[in-house]
N, C-alpha and C. Protein backbone atom coordinates (compact mmCIF):
# COMPACT_ATOMS: atom_id res chain seq x y z
N MET A 1 -2.54 -10.39 -17.08
CA MET A 1 -1.17 -10.60 -17.51
C MET A 1 -0.55 -9.30 -18.06
N GLU A 2 -1.38 -8.43 -18.59
CA GLU A 2 -0.87 -7.18 -19.13
C GLU A 2 -0.34 -6.27 -18.02
N ILE A 3 -0.92 -6.41 -16.82
CA ILE A 3 -0.47 -5.58 -15.70
C ILE A 3 0.97 -5.91 -15.32
N MET A 4 1.40 -7.14 -15.59
CA MET A 4 2.77 -7.54 -15.27
C MET A 4 3.78 -6.73 -16.10
N LEU A 5 3.39 -6.33 -17.28
CA LEU A 5 4.29 -5.53 -18.11
C LEU A 5 4.52 -4.16 -17.50
N TRP A 6 3.61 -3.72 -16.65
CA TRP A 6 3.75 -2.43 -15.97
C TRP A 6 4.34 -2.61 -14.58
N LEU A 7 3.94 -3.66 -13.87
CA LEU A 7 4.38 -3.86 -12.49
C LEU A 7 5.85 -4.25 -12.37
N LEU A 8 6.33 -5.11 -13.22
CA LEU A 8 7.72 -5.57 -13.10
C LEU A 8 8.74 -4.44 -13.30
N PRO A 9 8.63 -3.63 -14.35
CA PRO A 9 9.60 -2.53 -14.46
C PRO A 9 9.46 -1.49 -13.34
N THR A 10 8.22 -1.23 -12.91
CA THR A 10 8.01 -0.27 -11.83
C THR A 10 8.63 -0.77 -10.54
N THR A 11 8.45 -2.05 -10.24
CA THR A 11 9.05 -2.64 -9.05
C THR A 11 10.57 -2.58 -9.12
N GLY A 12 11.12 -2.88 -10.27
CA GLY A 12 12.56 -2.80 -10.44
C GLY A 12 13.08 -1.39 -10.26
N LEU A 13 12.36 -0.41 -10.77
CA LEU A 13 12.76 0.99 -10.64
C LEU A 13 12.71 1.43 -9.18
N LEU A 14 11.64 1.11 -8.49
CA LEU A 14 11.52 1.51 -7.09
C LEU A 14 12.55 0.81 -6.21
N THR A 15 12.84 -0.44 -6.50
CA THR A 15 13.87 -1.16 -5.76
C THR A 15 15.24 -0.53 -6.00
N GLY A 16 15.52 -0.16 -7.24
CA GLY A 16 16.78 0.50 -7.56
C GLY A 16 16.92 1.84 -6.84
N ILE A 17 15.83 2.60 -6.77
CA ILE A 17 15.87 3.87 -6.06
C ILE A 17 16.14 3.64 -4.57
N ALA A 18 15.50 2.63 -3.99
CA ALA A 18 15.70 2.34 -2.57
C ALA A 18 17.14 1.91 -2.29
N VAL A 19 17.72 1.11 -3.16
CA VAL A 19 19.11 0.67 -2.98
C VAL A 19 20.05 1.86 -3.11
N MET A 20 19.80 2.74 -4.07
CA MET A 20 20.64 3.92 -4.23
C MET A 20 20.53 4.84 -3.01
N ALA A 21 19.33 4.98 -2.46
CA ALA A 21 19.14 5.81 -1.26
C ALA A 21 19.87 5.21 -0.07
N PHE A 22 19.85 3.88 0.05
CA PHE A 22 20.56 3.22 1.14
C PHE A 22 22.06 3.46 1.04
N PHE A 23 22.64 3.29 -0.15
CA PHE A 23 24.07 3.50 -0.30
C PHE A 23 24.45 4.97 -0.13
N TRP A 24 23.58 5.89 -0.56
CA TRP A 24 23.83 7.31 -0.35
C TRP A 24 23.86 7.62 1.14
N ALA A 25 22.91 7.09 1.89
CA ALA A 25 22.87 7.34 3.34
C ALA A 25 24.06 6.71 4.04
N THR A 26 24.50 5.56 3.57
CA THR A 26 25.66 4.91 4.17
C THR A 26 26.92 5.73 3.94
N ARG A 27 27.09 6.24 2.73
CA ARG A 27 28.26 7.06 2.43
C ARG A 27 28.25 8.38 3.19
N ARG A 28 27.07 8.92 3.47
CA ARG A 28 26.95 10.20 4.18
C ARG A 28 27.09 10.04 5.69
N GLY A 29 27.20 8.80 6.19
CA GLY A 29 27.44 8.58 7.60
C GLY A 29 26.18 8.51 8.45
N GLN A 30 25.05 8.23 7.85
CA GLN A 30 23.80 8.20 8.60
C GLN A 30 23.74 7.03 9.58
N PHE A 31 24.50 5.99 9.35
CA PHE A 31 24.44 4.80 10.19
C PHE A 31 25.69 4.63 11.05
N ASP A 32 26.48 5.69 11.21
CA ASP A 32 27.73 5.58 11.95
C ASP A 32 27.51 5.42 13.45
N ASP A 33 26.59 6.14 14.02
CA ASP A 33 26.38 6.12 15.47
C ASP A 33 24.90 5.91 15.77
N LEU A 34 24.48 4.65 15.81
CA LEU A 34 23.08 4.34 16.02
C LEU A 34 22.68 4.36 17.49
N ASP A 35 23.63 4.28 18.41
CA ASP A 35 23.31 4.20 19.83
C ASP A 35 23.22 5.56 20.51
N ARG A 36 23.75 6.60 19.92
CA ARG A 36 23.82 7.91 20.57
C ARG A 36 22.44 8.43 20.93
N HIS A 37 21.51 8.35 20.02
CA HIS A 37 20.18 8.91 20.28
C HIS A 37 19.45 8.12 21.36
N GLY A 38 19.73 6.86 21.49
CA GLY A 38 19.13 6.07 22.55
C GLY A 38 19.62 6.47 23.92
N PHE A 39 20.87 6.90 24.01
CA PHE A 39 21.43 7.32 25.29
C PHE A 39 21.17 8.80 25.60
N ASP A 40 20.71 9.56 24.63
CA ASP A 40 20.42 10.98 24.86
C ASP A 40 19.33 11.17 25.90
N ILE A 41 18.37 10.26 25.97
CA ILE A 41 17.29 10.42 26.94
C ILE A 41 17.77 10.19 28.36
N LEU A 42 18.91 9.53 28.52
CA LEU A 42 19.45 9.28 29.84
C LEU A 42 20.36 10.41 30.33
N ASP A 43 20.67 11.35 29.46
CA ASP A 43 21.56 12.45 29.78
C ASP A 43 20.82 13.49 30.63
N ASP A 44 21.41 13.89 31.77
CA ASP A 44 20.78 14.84 32.68
C ASP A 44 21.17 16.28 32.42
N ASP A 45 21.90 16.57 31.37
CA ASP A 45 22.33 17.94 31.09
C ASP A 45 21.17 18.88 30.80
N ASN A 46 20.09 18.36 30.26
CA ASN A 46 18.95 19.20 29.90
C ASN A 46 17.85 19.16 30.94
N SER A 47 18.16 18.74 32.16
CA SER A 47 17.12 18.61 33.18
C SER A 47 16.58 19.97 33.61
N GLU A 48 17.39 21.03 33.55
CA GLU A 48 16.92 22.36 33.96
C GLU A 48 15.88 22.89 32.98
N THR A 49 16.07 22.64 31.71
CA THR A 49 15.10 23.14 30.73
C THR A 49 13.80 22.35 30.77
N ARG A 50 13.85 21.12 31.20
CA ARG A 50 12.63 20.31 31.29
C ARG A 50 11.77 20.70 32.47
N GLU A 51 12.37 21.24 33.55
CA GLU A 51 11.62 21.59 34.75
C GLU A 51 10.81 22.87 34.56
N ARG A 52 11.18 23.69 33.60
CA ARG A 52 10.48 24.98 33.39
C ARG A 52 9.14 24.78 32.82
């Protein structure tokens, strides 16, 4: 039971840090264009550099 006195505040702190990191990333635009990187592999512009 004594471990709960350590685990509960630590869990709350880590959860708070994760929520703050999520909102920071959202404000910085990290989630604005999620599909672009998926379509980059279909782009043939870099085909010359891949053949070398």
